């Protein structure tokens, strides 16, 4: 693949990958670093990549999970005492999940990926992804009932 192919993939994939990373990490600056690192890794392997979009997606998800583990938790907004926007409440609740569970929820419900594809993106067994999703949904349900 050529430099123009890389440029085309960059223009097509950058914004969606950045949005994905921001949702998983909760910090735009860190998300930008993760996406930049993914494109750097793709450039190093560019001639060998058969599906650059898939490679970038996997790099961003895995990089976001790793970055989420290294940083302090998202700040939790004051809610319930005041009338909050539904998205603020959801952001708060998602922030409470471990990074891997948050990634599974985002990939399943925000990107509408089937569980088998999520397992492939994360490089985890399908049953682990199912378990993560079940635990995450239970935690989300419990938190939203409060």
C-alpha atoms as a PDB file:
ATOM      1  CA  UNK A   1       0.000   0.000   0.000  1.00  0.00           C
ATOM      2  CA  UNK A   2       1.144   3.508  -0.724  1.00  0.00           C
ATOM      3  CA  UNK A   3       1.468   6.741   1.204  1.00  0.00           C
ATOM      4  CA  UNK A   4      -1.762   8.003  -0.420  1.00  0.00           C
ATOM      5  CA  UNK A   5      -3.562   4.882   0.869  1.00  0.00           C
ATOM      6  CA  UNK A   6      -2.324   5.685   4.369  1.00  0.00           C
ATOM      7  CA  UNK A   7      -3.516   9.285   4.034  1.00  0.00           C
ATOM      8  CA  UNK A   8      -6.936   8.107   2.858  1.00  0.00           C
ATOM      9  CA  UNK A   9      -7.257   5.667   5.772  1.00  0.00           C
ATOM     10  CA  UNK A  10      -6.143   8.386   8.181  1.00  0.00           C
ATOM     11  CA  UNK A  11      -8.766  10.840   6.923  1.00  0.00           C
ATOM     12  CA  UNK A  12     -11.500   8.184   7.044  1.00  0.00           C
ATOM     13  CA  UNK A  13     -10.633   6.562  10.395  1.00  0.00           C
ATOM     14  CA  UNK A  14      -9.163   9.284  12.617  1.00  0.00           C
ATOM     15  CA  UNK A  15     -12.362  10.922  13.892  1.00  0.00           C
ATOM     16  CA  UNK A  16     -14.303   7.681  14.561  1.00  0.00           C
ATOM     17  CA  UNK A  17     -11.281   6.179  16.324  1.00  0.00           C
ATOM     18  CA  UNK A  18     -10.823   9.317  18.409  1.00  0.00           C
ATOM     19  CA  UNK A  19     -14.482   9.250  19.463  1.00  0.00           C
ATOM     20  CA  UNK A  20     -14.148   5.600  20.433  1.00  0.00           C
ATOM     21  CA  UNK A  21     -11.025   6.275  22.501  1.00  0.00           C
ATOM     22  CA  UNK A  22     -12.618   9.277  24.238  1.00  0.00           C
ATOM     23  CA  UNK A  23     -15.638   7.195  25.252  1.00  0.00           C
ATOM     24  CA  UNK A  24     -13.448   4.403  26.635  1.00  0.00           C
ATOM     25  CA  UNK A  25     -10.861   6.624  28.355  1.00  0.00           C
ATOM     26  CA  UNK A  26     -12.861   9.722  29.259  1.00  0.00           C
ATOM     27  CA  UNK A  27     -10.032  12.126  28.418  1.00  0.00           C
ATOM     28  CA  UNK A  28      -9.636  13.688  24.973  1.00  0.00           C
ATOM     29  CA  UNK A  29      -5.910  14.422  25.285  1.00  0.00           C
ATOM     30  CA  UNK A  30      -5.051  10.869  26.294  1.00  0.00           C
ATOM     31  CA  UNK A  31      -7.385   9.567  23.567  1.00  0.00           C
ATOM     32  CA  UNK A  32      -5.535  11.638  20.964  1.00  0.00           C
ATOM     33  CA  UNK A  33      -2.246  10.085  22.107  1.00  0.00           C
ATOM     34  CA  UNK A  34      -3.703   6.593  21.859  1.00  0.00           C
ATOM     35  CA  UNK A  35      -4.996   7.195  18.331  1.00  0.00           C
ATOM     36  CA  UNK A  36      -1.707   8.768  17.294  1.00  0.00           C
ATOM     37  CA  UNK A  37       0.173   5.742  18.650  1.00  0.00           C
ATOM     38  CA  UNK A  38      -2.155   3.431  16.704  1.00  0.00           C
ATOM     39  CA  UNK A  39      -1.430   5.244  13.443  1.00  0.00           C
ATOM     40  CA  UNK A  40       2.290   5.162  14.217  1.00  0.00           C
ATOM     41  CA  UNK A  41       2.122   1.389  14.693  1.00  0.00           C
ATOM     42  CA  UNK A  42       0.114   1.049  11.490  1.00  0.00           C
ATOM     43  CA  UNK A  43       2.670   3.081   9.548  1.00  0.00           C
ATOM     44  CA  UNK A  44       5.476   0.808  10.765  1.00  0.00           C
ATOM     45  CA  UNK A  45       3.579  -2.243   9.454  1.00  0.00           C
ATOM     46  CA  UNK A  46       1.803  -0.548   6.549  1.00  0.00           C
ATOM     47  CA  UNK A  47       3.084  -2.821   3.779  1.00  0.00           C
ATOM     48  CA  UNK A  48       2.084  -5.962   5.689  1.00  0.00           C
ATOM     49  CA  UNK A  49      -1.414  -4.885   6.778  1.00  0.00           C
ATOM     50  CA  UNK A  50      -4.287  -6.561   4.986  1.00  0.00           C
ATOM     51  CA  UNK A  51      -7.019  -4.723   6.922  1.00  0.00           C
ATOM     52  CA  UNK A  52      -5.580  -1.449   8.217  1.00  0.00           C
ATOM     53  CA  UNK A  53      -8.943  -0.307   9.618  1.00  0.00           C
ATOM     54  CA  UNK A  54      -9.256  -3.445  11.723  1.00  0.00           C
ATOM     55  CA  UNK A  55      -5.661  -3.165  12.898  1.00  0.00           C
ATOM     56  CA  UNK A  56      -6.178   0.476  13.906  1.00  0.00           C
ATOM     57  CA  UNK A  57      -9.455  -0.333  15.674  1.00  0.00           C
ATOM     58  CA  UNK A  58      -7.805  -3.057  17.723  1.00  0.00           C
ATOM     59  CA  UNK A  59      -4.816  -0.833  18.560  1.00  0.00           C
ATOM     60  CA  UNK A  60      -7.081   1.986  19.717  1.00  0.00           C
ATOM     61  CA  UNK A  61      -9.297  -0.241  21.863  1.00  0.00           C
ATOM     62  CA  UNK A  62      -6.360  -2.015  23.494  1.00  0.00           C
ATOM     63  CA  UNK A  63      -4.441   1.244  23.903  1.00  0.00           C
ATOM     64  CA  UNK A  64      -7.503   2.874  25.472  1.00  0.00           C
ATOM     65  CA  UNK A  65      -7.904   0.036  27.956  1.00  0.00           C
ATOM     66  CA  UNK A  66      -4.223   0.276  28.905  1.00  0.00           C
ATOM     67  CA  UNK A  67      -4.385   4.068  29.200  1.00  0.00           C
ATOM     68  CA  UNK A  68      -7.551   3.774  31.289  1.00  0.00           C
ATOM     69  CA  UNK A  69      -5.750   1.538  33.754  1.00  0.00           C
ATOM     70  CA  UNK A  70      -2.857   3.976  34.144  1.00  0.00           C
ATOM     71  CA  UNK A  71      -4.818   7.133  34.758  1.00  0.00           C
ATOM     72  CA  UNK A  72      -6.917   8.213  37.683  1.00  0.00           C
ATOM     73  CA  UNK A  73     -10.642   7.491  37.393  1.00  0.00           C
ATOM     74  CA  UNK A  74     -12.967   9.878  35.604  1.00  0.00           C
ATOM     75  CA  UNK A  75     -14.297  12.598  37.856  1.00  0.00           C
ATOM     76  CA  UNK A  76     -17.815  11.769  38.924  1.00  0.00           C
ATOM     77  CA  UNK A  77     -20.198  14.622  38.340  1.00  0.00           C
ATOM     78  CA  UNK A  78     -22.654  15.606  41.031  1.00  0.00           C
ATOM     79  CA  UNK A  79     -25.920  14.075  39.942  1.00  0.00           C
ATOM     80  CA  UNK A  80     -29.092  12.868  41.571  1.00  0.00           C
ATOM     81  CA  UNK A  81     -29.169  15.974  43.804  1.00  0.00           C
ATOM     82  CA  UNK A  82     -29.808  18.094  40.715  1.00  0.00           C
ATOM     83  CA  UNK A  83     -31.507  17.408  37.449  1.00  0.00           C
ATOM     84  CA  UNK A  84     -28.766  16.081  35.197  1.00  0.00           C
ATOM     85  CA  UNK A  85     -28.821  15.379  31.508  1.00  0.00           C
ATOM     86  CA  UNK A  86     -29.255  11.650  30.806  1.00  0.00           C
ATOM     87  CA  UNK A  87     -25.884  11.549  29.032  1.00  0.00           C
ATOM     88  CA  UNK A  88     -24.142  13.011  32.089  1.00  0.00           C
ATOM     89  CA  UNK A  89     -25.619  10.311  34.288  1.00  0.00           C
ATOM     90  CA  UNK A  90     -24.600   7.629  31.814  1.00  0.00           C
ATOM     91  CA  UNK A  91     -21.086   9.069  31.585  1.00  0.00           C
ATOM     92  CA  UNK A  92     -20.840   8.988  35.376  1.00  0.00           C
ATOM     93  CA  UNK A  93     -22.000   5.401  35.549  1.00  0.00           C
ATOM     94  CA  UNK A  94     -19.691   4.268  32.733  1.00  0.00           C
ATOM     95  CA  UNK A  95     -16.814   5.959  34.523  1.00  0.00           C
ATOM     96  CA  UNK A  96     -17.266   3.556  37.427  1.00  0.00           C
ATOM     97  CA  UNK A  97     -16.600   0.487  35.271  1.00  0.00           C
ATOM     98  CA  UNK A  98     -13.117  -1.014  34.901  1.00  0.00           C
ATOM     99  CA  UNK A  99     -11.571  -0.077  31.522  1.00  0.00           C
ATOM    100  CA  UNK A 100     -12.010  -3.539  29.963  1.00  0.00           C
ATOM    101  CA  UNK A 101     -15.706  -3.699  30.909  1.00  0.00           C
ATOM    102  CA  UNK A 102     -16.204  -0.131  29.687  1.00  0.00           C
ATOM    103  CA  UNK A 103     -14.615  -1.102  26.358  1.00  0.00           C
ATOM    104  CA  UNK A 104     -16.946  -4.090  25.983  1.00  0.00           C
ATOM    105  CA  UNK A 105     -20.023  -1.940  26.691  1.00  0.00           C
ATOM    106  CA  UNK A 106     -18.890   0.760  24.273  1.00  0.00           C
ATOM    107  CA  UNK A 107     -18.074  -1.724  21.515  1.00  0.00           C
ATOM    108  CA  UNK A 108     -21.355  -3.576  21.994  1.00  0.00           C
ATOM    109  CA  UNK A 109     -23.803  -0.711  22.355  1.00  0.00           C
ATOM    110  CA  UNK A 110     -22.039   2.309  20.870  1.00  0.00           C
ATOM    111  CA  UNK A 111     -20.421   0.559  17.902  1.00  0.00           C
ATOM    112  CA  UNK A 112     -23.038  -2.210  17.701  1.00  0.00           C
ATOM    113  CA  UNK A 113     -20.450  -4.981  17.324  1.00  0.00           C
ATOM    114  CA  UNK A 114     -21.410  -8.617  17.904  1.00  0.00           C
ATOM    115  CA  UNK A 115     -19.752 -10.321  20.860  1.00  0.00           C
ATOM    116  CA  UNK A 116     -17.556 -12.520  18.657  1.00  0.00           C
ATOM    117  CA  UNK A 117     -16.152  -9.450  16.922  1.00  0.00           C
ATOM    118  CA  UNK A 118     -15.584  -7.715  20.258  1.00  0.00           C
ATOM    119  CA  UNK A 119     -13.633 -10.764  21.412  1.00  0.00           C
ATOM    120  CA  UNK A 120     -11.518 -10.572  18.260  1.00  0.00           C
ATOM    121  CA  UNK A 121     -10.887  -6.827  18.670  1.00  0.00           C
ATOM    122  CA  UNK A 122      -9.889  -7.243  22.307  1.00  0.00           C
ATOM    123  CA  UNK A 123      -7.959 -10.454  21.721  1.00  0.00           C
ATOM    124  CA  UNK A 124      -9.895 -12.117  24.527  1.00  0.00           C
ATOM    125  CA  UNK A 125     -11.917 -15.323  24.675  1.00  0.00           C
ATOM    126  CA  UNK A 126     -15.588 -14.976  23.787  1.00  0.00           C
ATOM    127  CA  UNK A 127     -16.698 -16.248  27.197  1.00  0.00           C
ATOM    128  CA  UNK A 128     -14.551 -13.608  28.925  1.00  0.00           C
ATOM    129  CA  UNK A 129     -16.210 -10.904  26.832  1.00  0.00           C
ATOM    130  CA  UNK A 130     -19.651 -12.305  27.694  1.00  0.00           C
ATOM    131  CA  UNK A 131     -18.725 -12.337  31.363  1.00  0.00           C
ATOM    132  CA  UNK A 132     -17.385  -8.770  31.205  1.00  0.00           C
ATOM    133  CA  UNK A 133     -20.574  -7.595  29.515  1.00  0.00           C
ATOM    134  CA  UNK A 134     -22.800  -9.366  32.034  1.00  0.00           C
ATOM    135  CA  UNK A 135     -20.871  -7.876  34.979  1.00  0.00           C
ATOM    136  CA  UNK A 136     -20.833  -4.425  33.417  1.00  0.00           C
ATOM    137  CA  UNK A 137     -24.569  -4.454  32.740  1.00  0.00           C
ATOM    138  CA  UNK A 138     -25.261  -5.628  36.291  1.00  0.00           C
ATOM    139  CA  UNK A 139     -23.101  -2.818  37.692  1.00  0.00           C
ATOM    140  CA  UNK A 140     -24.735  -0.264  35.394  1.00  0.00           C
ATOM    141  CA  UNK A 141     -28.200  -1.442  36.360  1.00  0.00           C
ATOM    142  CA  UNK A 142     -27.401  -1.333  40.049  1.00  0.00           C
ATOM    143  CA  UNK A 143     -25.878   2.141  39.802  1.00  0.00           C
ATOM    144  CA  UNK A 144     -28.752   3.545  37.751  1.00  0.00           C
ATOM    145  CA  UNK A 145     -31.313   2.236  40.263  1.00  0.00           C
ATOM    146  CA  UNK A 146     -29.766   4.308  43.044  1.00  0.00           C
END
